[in-house]
Amino acid sequence: MLQEVLSEQLSNIINYKIANNELSEIRIRRNKPIVVFMKGQPYYICEKGLTCSLDNAIFATKEMIDDIVYKASDYSIYSVNEQIKQGYIMLENGIRIGLCGSMVIENNQVKTMINWTSLNIRIPHAIKNCSLCCFDDIVSENGVKNTLIISPPGAGKTTFIRDFVYQLSEHNYCLNVTVIDERGEIGGGENSGINLGNFCDVISYCTKEQGFIQAIRSMNPGLIVTDEIGTEKDCESLINAMNSGVKVVATIHASSIEELRRKKFFEKLPVCYFERYVLLSNREGPGTYEGTYNEKFSKIVKWWSMTVILILLIIFCFGLIGYKLSAFYVSRKKFFSSLEILMSNLELDVSFSKDKLKNLILKNSENLNSKELVEFCKKYFELLDKKQKLDFELVNEIKILKKEEKDLIFLFFNSIGKLDAYSQSKEIKMYQNKVNEYYLQASDECKKYAGLYIKLGIIFGILICLLII
């Protein structure tokens, strides 16, 4: 249909040099470059197709705009004047040409529009299955819920409801559906070829008020679908239909639930009338599904989303248990590594320093890598300050050590400071050799079991999830 209204130059470019199945809008402004929108992104048109450079862009002229309007009206402007008064001309297949120009107003009423300066050609696309993302949220065993589809302009509302009506038929819901197609965008007009399913009736080119009255009086619909409610009269028509027992699916312009609730005419709609709100956006291109909300504007979480969250939580918990078990072996390795460093430094300081024992241990324990050893040293300092002996209960608090290891620690800290420098140095080396044996043993255990427990925790978590599923 586009080739019948566009110039031969534009028609050839669109048909043969760009992917017109991705084309959603053509913006033609007098003396400005022609802009097209592909998947929501703007480009200029040039002889070779698309460009981002103004140097090669094709500019629109007054004659080009006039020619498109004349062709769109089949050279009979008067025959589409009612549409022109509302700012557009509808073509077959749901293509709509938005108009800008000079409005002719008499007695506060729009008579027509002349001197056209801008055109916005919107090309609809039937995107199969685009409504399935929330179909089950809207349709249940009890029927279709009153639903409002929310999105900013050009974000896929009309495409969504067109597919939703089609999916009702595909899912064999034998429900009489009436589409109030005010501008011919949903059904696309008489010879559009747009498939709305087997149970749909379309009333086109009328106000919503007229369409709702006609549908309820003569078609006995179970569901009425309409596009872009925007006035108090539109809301009244919806309320009257719902009060008559007819379900309604409609669309509205808003970029968020919060913006929707700020609309003045929407405040007059009792919240209980709509049971579902579907939010679409352009975030990842037109038709991006942002979520479904219930009548209290709370987001509906899909069961599979909850399942995924539960699975991840179970795996995380068992992985954490595995990590805690592995931390035991890592802590043992750090403890003996730090203790060996402490002993080595003490052995040197005892031989060459005349500082007090507490100061020597304090100096050498500041940068230790084991929190258990650091904590033990702090408590040991307190005993030295009080001039008390080391009690085995203090050593026993180090939970990561075995019985023989605790005995060694107890003997070592009870022996330091009681001998001359030579004997003390010799004794520290003896204990250091034993600690080195414990370190090698702890390193070997850490290598064997630390990673193993983490892996076992994750694997066990996955097995539990498989059993639950």
Protein backbone atom coordinates (compact mmCIF):
# COMPACT_ATOMS: atom_id res chain seq x y z
CA MET A 1 0.00 0.00 0.00
CA LEU A 2 2.90 2.39 0.70
CA GLN A 3 4.12 2.31 -2.90
CA GLU A 4 0.74 3.66 -3.98
CA VAL A 5 1.17 6.92 -2.02
CA LEU A 6 4.94 7.46 -1.96
CA SER A 7 7.00 8.82 -4.81
CA GLU A 8 8.71 6.27 -7.05
CA GLN A 9 12.09 7.27 -5.56
CA LEU A 10 11.02 6.68 -1.94
CA SER A 11 9.05 3.58 -2.80
CA ASN A 12 12.06 1.92 -4.48
CA ILE A 13 14.36 2.73 -1.55
CA ILE A 14 11.92 1.37 1.03
CA ASN A 15 11.02 -1.74 -0.96
CA TYR A 16 14.47 -2.75 -2.15
CA LYS A 17 17.16 -1.07 -0.04
CA ILE A 18 15.97 -1.30 3.58
CA ALA A 19 14.37 -4.04 5.69
CA ASN A 20 10.85 -2.69 5.52
CA ASN A 21 9.59 -5.46 7.82
CA GLU A 22 11.40 -3.54 10.58
CA LEU A 23 10.09 -0.13 9.47
CA SER A 24 7.65 1.44 11.94
CA GLU A 25 7.55 5.17 11.03
CA ILE A 26 8.41 7.52 8.19
CA ARG A 27 8.70 11.19 9.21
CA ILE A 28 8.40 13.62 6.28
CA ARG A 29 8.85 17.31 7.14
CA ARG A 30 8.91 20.16 4.64
CA ASN A 31 12.50 21.15 3.74
CA LYS A 32 13.88 18.67 6.28
CA PRO A 33 15.63 15.30 5.86
CA ILE A 34 13.26 12.31 5.71
CA VAL A 35 13.62 10.20 8.87
CA VAL A 36 12.61 6.56 9.30
CA PHE A 37 12.41 4.54 12.49
CA MET A 38 13.71 0.97 12.40
CA LYS A 39 13.13 -1.00 15.63
CA GLY A 40 12.72 2.29 17.43
CA GLN A 41 16.00 3.79 16.10
CA PRO A 42 16.00 6.84 13.78
CA TYR A 43 17.86 6.97 10.46
CA TYR A 44 17.93 9.29 7.45
CA ILE A 45 16.91 7.98 4.04
CA CYS A 46 19.41 8.27 1.20
CA GLU A 47 19.65 6.87 -2.33
CA LYS A 48 21.50 3.80 -1.04
CA GLY A 49 19.05 3.13 1.81
CA LEU A 50 19.78 4.28 5.35
CA THR A 51 22.37 6.76 6.57
CA CYS A 52 23.31 8.64 9.72
CA SER A 53 24.83 11.49 7.71
CA LEU A 54 22.93 14.60 6.61
CA ASP A 55 25.23 14.91 3.61
CA ASN A 56 23.52 12.07 1.74
CA ALA A 57 20.01 12.43 3.20
CA ILE A 58 16.97 13.03 0.98
CA PHE A 59 15.08 16.20 1.88
CA ALA A 60 11.30 16.51 1.64
CA THR A 61 9.59 19.22 -0.39
CA LYS A 62 6.14 20.80 -0.25
CA GLU A 63 5.28 19.07 -3.51
CA MET A 64 6.29 15.68 -2.11
CA ILE A 65 4.05 16.14 0.97
CA ASP A 66 1.09 17.39 -1.08
CA ASP A 67 1.46 14.51 -3.52
CA ILE A 68 1.37 11.91 -0.70
CA VAL A 69 -1.77 13.45 0.83
CA TYR A 70 -3.55 13.61 -2.55
CA LYS A 71 -2.70 9.99 -3.33
CA ALA A 72 -3.74 8.87 0.18
CA SER A 73 -7.15 10.48 -0.35
CA ASP A 74 -7.39 8.91 -3.82
CA TYR A 75 -7.32 12.48 -5.14
CA SER A 76 -10.56 13.21 -3.24
CA ILE A 77 -9.66 15.29 -0.18
CA TYR A 78 -13.32 15.89 0.61
CA SER A 79 -13.93 12.12 0.97
CA VAL A 80 -11.50 11.82 3.91
CA ASN A 81 -12.14 15.26 5.40
CA GLU A 82 -13.61 13.77 8.59
CA GLN A 83 -10.32 11.97 9.16
CA ILE A 84 -8.29 15.05 8.20
CA LYS A 85 -10.22 17.06 10.80
CA GLN A 86 -8.88 14.60 13.39
CA GLY A 87 -5.34 14.91 12.06
CA TYR A 88 -4.82 11.73 10.02
CA ILE A 89 -5.70 9.70 6.93
CA MET A 90 -6.07 5.92 7.18
CA LEU A 91 -4.86 3.59 4.47
CA GLU A 92 -5.47 -0.13 4.11
CA ASN A 93 -3.54 -2.58 6.29
CA GLY A 94 -3.79 -0.19 9.23
CA ILE A 95 -1.27 2.32 7.87
CA ARG A 96 -1.98 5.76 9.28
CA ILE A 97 -0.68 9.08 7.95
CA GLY A 98 -0.57 11.72 10.69
CA LEU A 99 -0.92 15.30 9.41
CA CYS A 100 0.40 18.68 10.51
CA GLY A 101 -0.57 21.92 8.85
CA SER A 102 -2.92 24.87 9.20
CA MET A 103 -6.24 24.12 10.89
CA VAL A 104 -9.32 25.84 9.49
CA ILE A 105 -11.65 26.65 12.38
CA GLU A 106 -15.15 28.19 12.17
CA ASN A 107 -17.44 28.76 15.14
CA ASN A 108 -14.90 26.99 17.37
CA GLN A 109 -15.15 23.84 15.23
CA VAL A 110 -12.45 22.30 13.04
CA LYS A 111 -13.53 22.38 9.39
CA THR A 112 -10.40 20.96 7.73
CA MET A 113 -6.62 21.21 7.52
CA ILE A 114 -4.65 22.83 4.71
CA ASN A 115 -1.03 23.73 3.88
CA TRP A 116 0.39 20.45 5.17
CA THR A 117 3.91 20.76 6.56
CA SER A 118 4.61 17.37 8.15
CA LEU A 119 3.56 13.75 7.73
CA ASN A 120 4.05 10.82 10.08
CA ILE A 121 3.42 7.54 8.29
CA ARG A 122 2.99 4.75 10.85
CA ILE A 123 3.29 1.20 9.58
CA PRO A 124 1.79 -1.50 11.81
CA HIS A 125 3.28 -4.97 12.05
CA ALA A 126 1.64 -8.19 13.15
CA ILE A 127 4.14 -9.66 15.61
CA LYS A 128 2.92 -13.15 16.37
CA ASN A 129 2.97 -14.30 20.00
CA CYS A 130 4.03 -10.92 21.39
CA SER A 131 1.14 -11.07 23.91
CA LEU A 132 2.02 -14.54 25.20
CA CYS A 133 4.43 -13.03 27.75
CA CYS A 134 1.44 -12.28 29.97
CA PHE A 135 -1.46 -14.09 28.29
CA ASP A 136 -1.97 -16.37 31.31
CA ASP A 137 -2.05 -13.34 33.62
CA ILE A 138 -4.98 -11.87 31.66
CA VAL A 139 -6.87 -15.06 30.72
CA SER A 140 -7.83 -17.75 33.21
CA GLU A 141 -10.43 -20.50 33.59
CA ASN A 142 -12.85 -17.80 34.76
CA GLY A 143 -12.43 -15.82 31.55
CA VAL A 144 -10.66 -12.64 30.49
CA LYS A 145 -9.81 -10.07 33.16
CA ASN A 146 -10.47 -6.37 32.61
CA THR A 147 -7.05 -5.20 31.49
CA LEU A 148 -5.31 -1.94 30.66
CA ILE A 149 -2.23 -2.04 28.41
CA ILE A 150 0.13 0.83 29.30
CA SER A 151 3.01 2.21 27.25
CA PRO A 152 4.42 5.44 25.83
CA PRO A 153 3.56 6.28 22.20
CA GLY A 154 5.04 3.87 19.65
CA ALA A 155 5.90 1.18 22.19
CA GLY A 156 3.66 -1.57 20.84
CA LYS A 157 0.23 -1.23 22.52
CA THR A 158 -1.78 -1.69 19.33
CA THR A 159 0.42 -4.56 18.16
CA PHE A 160 -0.06 -6.22 21.55
CA ILE A 161 -3.87 -6.08 21.56
CA ARG A 162 -4.03 -7.16 17.93
CA ASP A 163 -2.04 -10.28 18.77
CA PHE A 164 -3.98 -10.81 22.01
CA VAL A 165 -7.29 -10.99 20.11
CA TYR A 166 -5.69 -13.42 17.65
CA GLN A 167 -4.30 -15.58 20.48
CA LEU A 168 -7.77 -15.92 22.04
CA SER A 169 -8.84 -17.66 18.86
CA GLU A 170 -5.61 -19.68 18.64
CA HIS A 171 -6.18 -20.93 22.20
CA ASN A 172 -9.77 -21.80 21.22
CA TYR A 173 -11.47 -19.38 23.62
CA CYS A 174 -14.94 -19.30 22.06
CA LEU A 175 -15.57 -15.76 23.24
CA ASN A 176 -17.41 -13.15 21.19
CA VAL A 177 -14.91 -10.31 20.84
CA THR A 178 -15.79 -6.89 19.47
CA VAL A 179 -12.96 -4.56 18.50
CA ILE A 180 -13.76 -0.82 18.57
CA ASP A 181 -11.27 0.36 15.96
CA GLU A 182 -11.60 4.13 16.05
CA ARG A 183 -8.92 4.82 13.43
CA GLY A 184 -8.73 1.49 11.63
CA GLU A 185 -5.33 0.69 13.18
CA ILE A 186 -6.22 -2.57 14.91
CA GLY A 187 -8.11 -4.38 12.18
CA GLY A 188 -6.55 -2.40 9.35
CA GLY A 189 -9.70 -1.63 7.41
CA GLU A 190 -11.90 -3.55 4.99
CA ASN A 191 -9.25 -5.25 2.85
CA SER A 192 -6.33 -5.30 5.26
CA GLY A 193 -5.75 -9.04 5.53
CA ILE A 194 -4.91 -8.66 9.24
CA ASN A 195 -6.02 -11.85 11.00
CA LEU A 196 -7.85 -11.21 14.30
CA GLY A 197 -9.01 -14.79 14.71
CA ASN A 198 -12.32 -16.59 14.26
CA PHE A 199 -14.42 -14.99 17.01
CA CYS A 200 -13.86 -11.29 16.38
CA ASP A 201 -16.15 -8.53 15.06
CA VAL A 202 -14.76 -5.10 14.18
CA ILE A 203 -16.50 -1.72 14.34
CA SER A 204 -14.31 0.86 12.62
CA TYR A 205 -14.07 4.64 12.20
CA CYS A 206 -16.35 5.69 15.03
CA THR A 207 -15.86 7.24 18.45
CA LYS A 208 -15.45 4.86 21.36
CA GLU A 209 -18.73 6.08 22.82
CA GLN A 210 -20.58 5.23 19.59
CA GLY A 211 -18.71 1.94 19.17
CA PHE A 212 -19.39 0.71 22.72
CA ILE A 213 -23.10 1.54 22.45
CA GLN A 214 -23.40 -0.20 19.08
CA ALA A 215 -21.47 -3.27 20.22
CA ILE A 216 -23.44 -3.81 23.43
CA ARG A 217 -26.79 -3.24 21.71
CA SER A 218 -26.29 -5.46 18.71
CA MET A 219 -23.30 -7.81 19.03
CA ASN A 220 -23.67 -9.31 22.53
CA PRO A 221 -19.89 -9.25 23.12
CA GLY A 222 -18.17 -11.08 25.95
CA LEU A 223 -15.12 -8.88 25.46
CA ILE A 224 -14.59 -5.44 23.95
CA VAL A 225 -11.10 -4.45 22.85
CA THR A 226 -10.21 -0.85 22.07
CA ASP A 227 -7.17 1.35 21.65
CA GLU A 228 -5.92 4.53 23.36
CA ILE A 229 -8.45 5.72 25.89
CA GLY A 230 -7.71 9.35 26.67
CA THR A 231 -10.84 11.23 27.73
CA GLU A 232 -13.45 11.12 30.47
CA LYS A 233 -16.04 10.03 27.86
CA ASP A 234 -13.81 7.07 26.94
CA CYS A 235 -13.65 6.09 30.62
CA GLU A 236 -17.43 6.38 30.95
CA SER A 237 -17.88 4.06 27.96
CA LEU A 238 -15.56 1.51 29.58
CA ILE A 239 -17.39 1.70 32.91
CA ASN A 240 -20.79 1.29 31.24
CA ALA A 241 -19.55 -1.82 29.40
CA MET A 242 -18.08 -3.34 32.57
CA ASN A 243 -21.28 -2.60 34.49
CA SER A 244 -23.12 -4.47 31.73
CA GLY A 245 -21.03 -7.55 32.41
CA VAL A 246 -18.77 -7.09 29.40
CA LYS A 247 -15.03 -7.52 29.88
CA VAL A 248 -12.74 -4.82 28.47
CA VAL A 249 -9.14 -4.79 27.26
CA ALA A 250 -7.94 -1.28 26.39
CA THR A 251 -4.71 0.68 25.95
CA ILE A 252 -3.54 4.01 27.33
CA HIS A 253 -0.52 6.28 26.96
CA ALA A 254 1.75 6.33 30.03
CA SER A 255 5.38 5.44 30.64
CA SER A 256 4.83 3.98 34.11
CA ILE A 257 2.19 2.96 36.64
CA GLU A 258 2.91 6.17 38.57
CA GLU A 259 2.28 8.34 35.49
CA LEU A 260 -0.95 6.44 34.82
CA ARG A 261 -2.25 7.12 38.31
CA ARG A 262 -1.55 10.84 37.91
CA LYS A 263 -3.85 11.17 34.91
CA LYS A 264 -6.91 13.20 35.92
CA PHE A 265 -9.48 11.23 33.95
CA PHE A 266 -8.05 7.97 35.24
CA GLU A 267 -8.73 9.07 38.82
CA LYS A 268 -12.45 8.84 38.03
CA LEU A 269 -12.11 5.15 37.17
CA PRO A 270 -12.72 3.07 40.31
CA VAL A 271 -9.57 0.99 40.85
CA CYS A 272 -11.58 -2.21 41.13
CA TYR A 273 -12.71 -2.02 37.50
CA PHE A 274 -9.33 -3.09 36.11
CA GLU A 275 -7.92 -6.38 37.36
CA ARG A 276 -4.69 -6.32 35.35
CA TYR A 277 -2.25 -3.67 34.10
CA VAL A 278 0.36 -4.63 31.50
CA LEU A 279 3.32 -2.26 31.14
CA LEU A 280 5.27 -2.03 27.86
CA SER A 281 8.19 0.21 26.98
CA ASN A 282 10.86 1.01 24.38
CA ARG A 283 13.72 0.04 26.72
CA GLU A 284 14.92 -2.81 24.49
CA GLY A 285 12.95 -1.74 21.43
CA PRO A 286 9.19 -1.32 20.90
CA GLY A 287 7.08 -3.82 22.81
CA THR A 288 9.52 -4.49 25.65
CA TYR A 289 7.48 -6.25 28.35
CA GLU A 290 8.10 -4.66 31.76
CA GLY A 291 5.59 -6.62 33.83
CA THR A 292 1.99 -7.29 34.77
CA TYR A 293 0.35 -5.66 37.81
CA ASN A 294 -2.79 -6.60 39.72
CA GLU A 295 -5.71 -4.39 40.71
CA LYS A 296 -3.67 -3.02 43.65
CA PHE A 297 -0.79 -2.10 41.30
CA SER A 298 1.43 -4.82 42.79
CA LYS A 299 3.68 -6.54 40.27
CA ILE A 300 2.75 -10.15 39.56
CA VAL A 301 5.74 -12.45 39.89
CA LYS A 302 5.69 -15.41 37.52
CA TRP A 303 5.72 -18.85 39.14
CA TRP A 304 8.79 -19.76 37.14
CA SER A 305 10.55 -16.64 38.43
CA MET A 306 9.82 -17.74 41.99
CA THR A 307 11.06 -21.22 41.12
CA VAL A 308 14.31 -19.86 39.71
CA ILE A 309 14.79 -17.68 42.81
CA LEU A 310 14.09 -20.67 45.08
CA ILE A 311 16.54 -22.87 43.14
CA LEU A 312 19.27 -20.22 43.32
CA LEU A 313 18.58 -19.71 47.04
CA ILE A 314 18.85 -23.45 47.78
CA ILE A 315 22.08 -23.79 45.77
CA PHE A 316 23.48 -20.68 47.47
CA CYS A 317 22.63 -22.00 50.97
CA PHE A 318 24.24 -25.39 50.39
CA GLY A 319 27.18 -23.70 48.69
CA LEU A 320 27.50 -21.48 51.78
CA ILE A 321 27.50 -24.56 54.03
CA GLY A 322 30.25 -26.03 51.86
CA TYR A 323 32.16 -22.74 52.09
CA LYS A 324 31.87 -22.72 55.89
CA LEU A 325 33.22 -26.28 56.06
CA SER A 326 36.07 -25.41 53.71
CA ALA A 327 36.83 -22.30 55.79
CA PHE A 328 37.78 -24.59 58.68
CA TYR A 329 40.69 -26.02 56.70
CA VAL A 330 41.71 -22.62 55.30
CA SER A 331 41.74 -21.19 58.85
CA ARG A 332 43.95 -24.04 60.11
CA LYS A 333 46.45 -23.42 57.32
CA LYS A 334 46.52 -19.67 58.05
CA PHE A 335 46.92 -20.30 61.79
CA PHE A 336 50.03 -22.47 61.50
CA SER A 337 51.50 -20.26 58.77
CA SER A 338 51.09 -17.19 61.00
CA LEU A 339 52.35 -19.02 64.10
CA GLU A 340 55.48 -20.14 62.23
CA ILE A 341 56.15 -16.53 61.18
CA LEU A 342 55.58 -15.33 64.76
CA MET A 343 58.00 -17.92 66.14
CA SER A 344 60.65 -17.07 63.53
CA ASN A 345 60.46 -13.36 64.37
CA LEU A 346 60.47 -14.04 68.12
CA GLU A 347 63.55 -16.24 67.77
CA LEU A 348 65.43 -13.37 66.11
CA ASP A 349 64.19 -10.72 68.57
CA VAL A 350 65.00 -12.82 71.64
CA SER A 351 68.56 -13.21 70.39
CA PHE A 352 69.21 -9.55 69.60
CA SER A 353 66.62 -7.45 71.47
CA LYS A 354 66.33 -6.49 75.09
CA ASP A 355 62.66 -5.52 74.81
CA LYS A 356 59.99 -7.02 77.04
CA LEU A 357 58.19 -10.22 75.97
CA LYS A 358 54.81 -8.50 75.62
CA ASN A 359 56.25 -5.83 73.34
CA LEU A 360 57.99 -8.46 71.22
CA ILE A 361 54.79 -10.48 70.74
CA LEU A 362 52.74 -7.31 70.17
CA LYS A 363 55.14 -6.07 67.49
CA ASN A 364 55.20 -9.40 65.67
CA SER A 365 51.46 -10.17 65.88
CA GLU A 366 50.16 -6.96 64.28
CA ASN A 367 50.25 -8.25 60.69
CA LEU A 368 49.37 -11.89 61.26
CA ASN A 369 46.99 -13.45 58.72
CA SER A 370 45.10 -15.62 61.23
CA LYS A 371 42.27 -13.97 63.17
CA GLU A 372 42.25 -16.90 65.64
CA LEU A 373 45.95 -16.37 66.50
CA VAL A 374 45.55 -12.58 66.72
CA GLU A 375 42.58 -13.00 69.09
CA PHE A 376 44.57 -15.47 71.22
CA CYS A 377 47.53 -13.07 71.43
CA LYS A 378 45.29 -10.23 72.65
CA LYS A 379 43.98 -12.36 75.48
CA TYR A 380 47.51 -13.53 76.25
CA PHE A 381 48.61 -9.87 76.57
CA GLU A 382 45.87 -9.30 79.13
CA LEU A 383 47.26 -12.18 81.24
CA LEU A 384 50.77 -10.72 81.03
CA ASP A 385 49.43 -7.32 82.17
CA LYS A 386 47.79 -8.98 85.16
CA LYS A 387 50.95 -11.08 85.75
CA GLN A 388 48.89 -14.26 85.50
CA LYS A 389 49.86 -17.64 84.07
CA LEU A 390 48.42 -18.95 80.82
CA ASP A 391 45.43 -21.18 81.48
CA PHE A 392 44.72 -24.12 79.16
CA GLU A 393 41.08 -22.95 78.88
CA LEU A 394 42.30 -19.98 76.86
CA VAL A 395 44.07 -22.29 74.38
CA ASN A 396 41.03 -24.56 74.35
CA GLU A 397 38.97 -21.68 72.90
CA ILE A 398 40.83 -22.07 69.58
CA LYS A 399 38.25 -24.40 68.00
CA ILE A 400 40.15 -25.11 64.80
CA LEU A 401 42.98 -26.96 66.62
CA LYS A 402 43.26 -30.62 67.55
CA LYS A 403 44.11 -31.77 71.11
CA GLU A 404 47.83 -32.37 70.52
CA GLU A 405 48.12 -29.03 68.71
CA LYS A 406 46.52 -27.20 71.62
CA ASP A 407 48.97 -28.93 73.97
CA LEU A 408 51.87 -27.66 71.89
CA ILE A 409 50.55 -24.07 71.90
CA PHE A 410 50.03 -24.20 75.65
CA LEU A 411 53.57 -25.47 76.29
CA PHE A 412 55.14 -22.96 73.90
CA PHE A 413 53.50 -19.82 75.32
CA ASN A 414 54.17 -21.02 78.88
CA SER A 415 57.88 -21.50 78.10
CA ILE A 416 58.77 -18.21 76.42
CA GLY A 417 60.36 -15.58 78.61
CA LYS A 418 61.66 -18.08 81.21
CA LEU A 419 65.07 -18.90 79.72
CA ASP A 420 68.24 -17.10 78.69
CA ALA A 421 68.53 -15.87 75.10
CA TYR A 422 70.50 -18.87 73.83
CA SER A 423 68.26 -21.51 75.45
CA GLN A 424 65.09 -19.59 74.54
CA SER A 425 66.16 -19.33 70.90
CA LYS A 426 66.96 -23.04 70.79
CA GLU A 427 63.59 -23.96 72.32
CA ILE A 428 61.64 -21.71 69.92
CA LYS A 429 63.34 -23.47 66.98
CA MET A 430 62.29 -26.83 68.40
CA TYR A 431 58.64 -25.72 68.63
CA GLN A 432 58.91 -24.09 65.20
CA ASN A 433 59.92 -27.40 63.63
CA LYS A 434 56.84 -29.06 65.11
CA VAL A 435 54.59 -26.20 63.97
CA ASN A 436 56.06 -26.58 60.48
CA GLU A 437 54.91 -30.22 60.50
CA TYR A 438 51.41 -29.10 61.48
CA TYR A 439 51.47 -26.44 58.73
CA LEU A 440 52.39 -28.98 56.05
CA GLN A 441 49.66 -31.29 57.30
CA ALA A 442 47.09 -28.42 57.34
CA SER A 443 48.14 -27.36 53.82
CA ASP A 444 47.62 -30.88 52.55
CA GLU A 445 44.15 -31.07 54.18
CA CYS A 446 43.23 -27.65 52.77
CA LYS A 447 44.23 -28.71 49.27
CA LYS A 448 42.17 -31.90 49.55
CA TYR A 449 39.03 -30.71 51.30
CA ALA A 450 38.57 -26.90 50.99
CA GLY A 451 37.49 -26.87 47.33
CA LEU A 452 35.82 -30.27 47.66
CA TYR A 453 33.36 -29.11 50.32
CA ILE A 454 32.31 -26.08 48.23
CA LYS A 455 31.73 -28.29 45.18
CA LEU A 456 29.85 -30.88 47.26
CA GLY A 457 27.67 -28.15 48.73
CA ILE A 458 26.70 -26.84 45.28
CA ILE A 459 26.16 -30.35 43.89
CA PHE A 460 24.02 -31.33 46.89
CA GLY A 461 21.99 -28.12 46.45
CA ILE A 462 21.38 -28.95 42.78
CA LEU A 463 20.30 -32.50 43.71
CA ILE A 464 17.81 -31.13 46.28
CA CYS A 465 16.41 -28.78 43.60
CA LEU A 466 16.02 -31.65 41.15
CA LEU A 467 14.16 -33.68 43.79
CA ILE A 468 11.84 -30.72 44.52
CA ILE A 469 11.13 -30.12 40.81
